[in-house]
Amino acid sequence: LYVSHIPAIVDAAAKSVVTAQMTPDAAAAAVATFKSAVTGEFTWSIFLIKNLIPVTLGNIVGGAIFVAGIYWYSYLKPLKK
C-alpha cells in the first residue's frame, strides 16, 4: 500500500502547489504533475523506517533524559548547606 494512493493525502498536498494567480488549466496541470511526481515516492515502509521509528526513539530517549533530569534536579539533587 502506497501512501501516495490515499486520495485525501495526495489531494491535500497537491492543493499546496496551486496559487491564486494560476488559471484553472494551469492549476489542474500543476496538481496532476504533483500527483505523478509523488506516486511511488512515499510508501508505508519509507514512512516507518525514515520517519516514525526515528521520531519515536528520539522522543523516548529525549523524554527519558529530560524527565529524569527534571526529577533529579527537583528531588534528588543534593541541597547546598
Protein backbone atom coordinates (compact mmCIF):
# COMPACT_ATOMS: atom_id res chain seq x y z
CA LEU A 1 0.00 0.00 0.00
CA TYR A 2 1.41 3.34 -1.02
CA VAL A 3 0.70 6.46 0.97
CA SER A 4 0.51 8.25 -2.37
CA HIS A 5 -2.53 6.13 -3.23
CA ILE A 6 -4.58 7.58 -0.38
CA PRO A 7 -6.60 10.25 -2.20
CA ALA A 8 -7.18 12.58 0.75
CA ILE A 9 -3.46 12.90 1.49
CA VAL A 10 -2.45 13.39 -2.12
CA ASP A 11 -5.25 15.87 -2.82
CA ALA A 12 -4.47 17.96 0.25
CA ALA A 13 -0.77 18.04 -0.60
CA ALA A 14 -1.42 18.71 -4.28
CA LYS A 15 -3.52 21.77 -3.47
CA SER A 16 -0.43 23.34 -1.88
CA VAL A 17 1.16 23.78 -5.33
CA VAL A 18 -1.77 25.87 -6.58
CA THR A 19 -1.55 29.63 -6.27
CA ALA A 20 -4.26 32.28 -6.62
CA GLN A 21 -2.62 33.64 -9.79
CA MET A 22 -2.94 30.35 -11.68
CA THR A 23 -5.58 29.80 -14.31
CA PRO A 24 -7.81 26.76 -13.79
CA ASP A 25 -5.97 24.86 -16.54
CA ALA A 26 -2.57 25.67 -15.06
CA ALA A 27 -3.77 24.69 -11.60
CA ALA A 28 -5.07 21.36 -12.89
CA ALA A 29 -1.77 20.74 -14.68
CA ALA A 30 0.21 21.59 -11.52
CA VAL A 31 -1.90 19.21 -9.42
CA ALA A 32 -1.54 16.43 -12.00
CA THR A 33 2.23 16.97 -12.17
CA PHE A 34 2.48 16.87 -8.39
CA LYS A 35 0.41 13.69 -8.15
CA SER A 36 2.51 11.93 -10.78
CA ALA A 37 5.72 13.02 -9.05
CA VAL A 38 4.78 11.64 -5.64
CA THR A 39 3.48 8.30 -6.87
CA GLY A 40 5.88 5.70 -5.56
CA GLU A 41 7.98 8.18 -3.60
CA PHE A 42 6.05 7.89 -0.35
CA THR A 43 5.44 4.35 0.84
CA TRP A 44 4.50 2.95 4.22
CA SER A 45 7.93 1.35 4.58
CA ILE A 46 9.67 4.68 3.94
CA PHE A 47 7.31 6.36 6.41
CA LEU A 48 8.04 3.76 9.09
CA ILE A 49 11.79 3.45 8.56
CA LYS A 50 12.70 7.05 7.84
CA ASN A 51 10.14 8.86 9.99
CA LEU A 52 8.09 7.02 12.59
CA ILE A 53 10.81 4.81 14.12
CA PRO A 54 13.49 7.56 14.44
CA VAL A 55 10.98 10.06 15.80
CA THR A 56 9.60 7.57 18.32
CA LEU A 57 13.07 6.55 19.50
CA GLY A 58 14.10 10.20 19.77
CA ASN A 59 11.03 11.03 21.81
CA ILE A 60 11.61 8.08 24.13
CA VAL A 61 15.28 8.90 24.70
CA GLY A 62 14.77 12.67 24.87
CA GLY A 63 11.74 12.38 27.12
CA ALA A 64 13.53 9.98 29.44
CA ILE A 65 16.56 12.26 29.72
CA PHE A 66 14.57 15.45 30.25
CA VAL A 67 12.02 13.96 32.63
CA ALA A 68 14.70 12.12 34.60
CA GLY A 69 16.78 15.30 34.71
CA ILE A 70 13.91 17.40 36.00
CA TYR A 71 13.06 14.81 38.67
CA TRP A 72 16.71 14.57 39.69
CA TYR A 73 17.01 18.34 39.86
CA SER A 74 13.75 18.69 41.78
CA TYR A 75 14.00 15.85 44.29
CA LEU A 76 17.39 14.14 44.32
CA LYS A 77 19.92 16.92 43.81
CA PRO A 78 21.99 17.40 46.97
CA LEU A 79 20.95 20.51 48.83
CA LYS A 80 23.52 23.24 49.43
CA LYS A 81 24.14 23.91 53.10
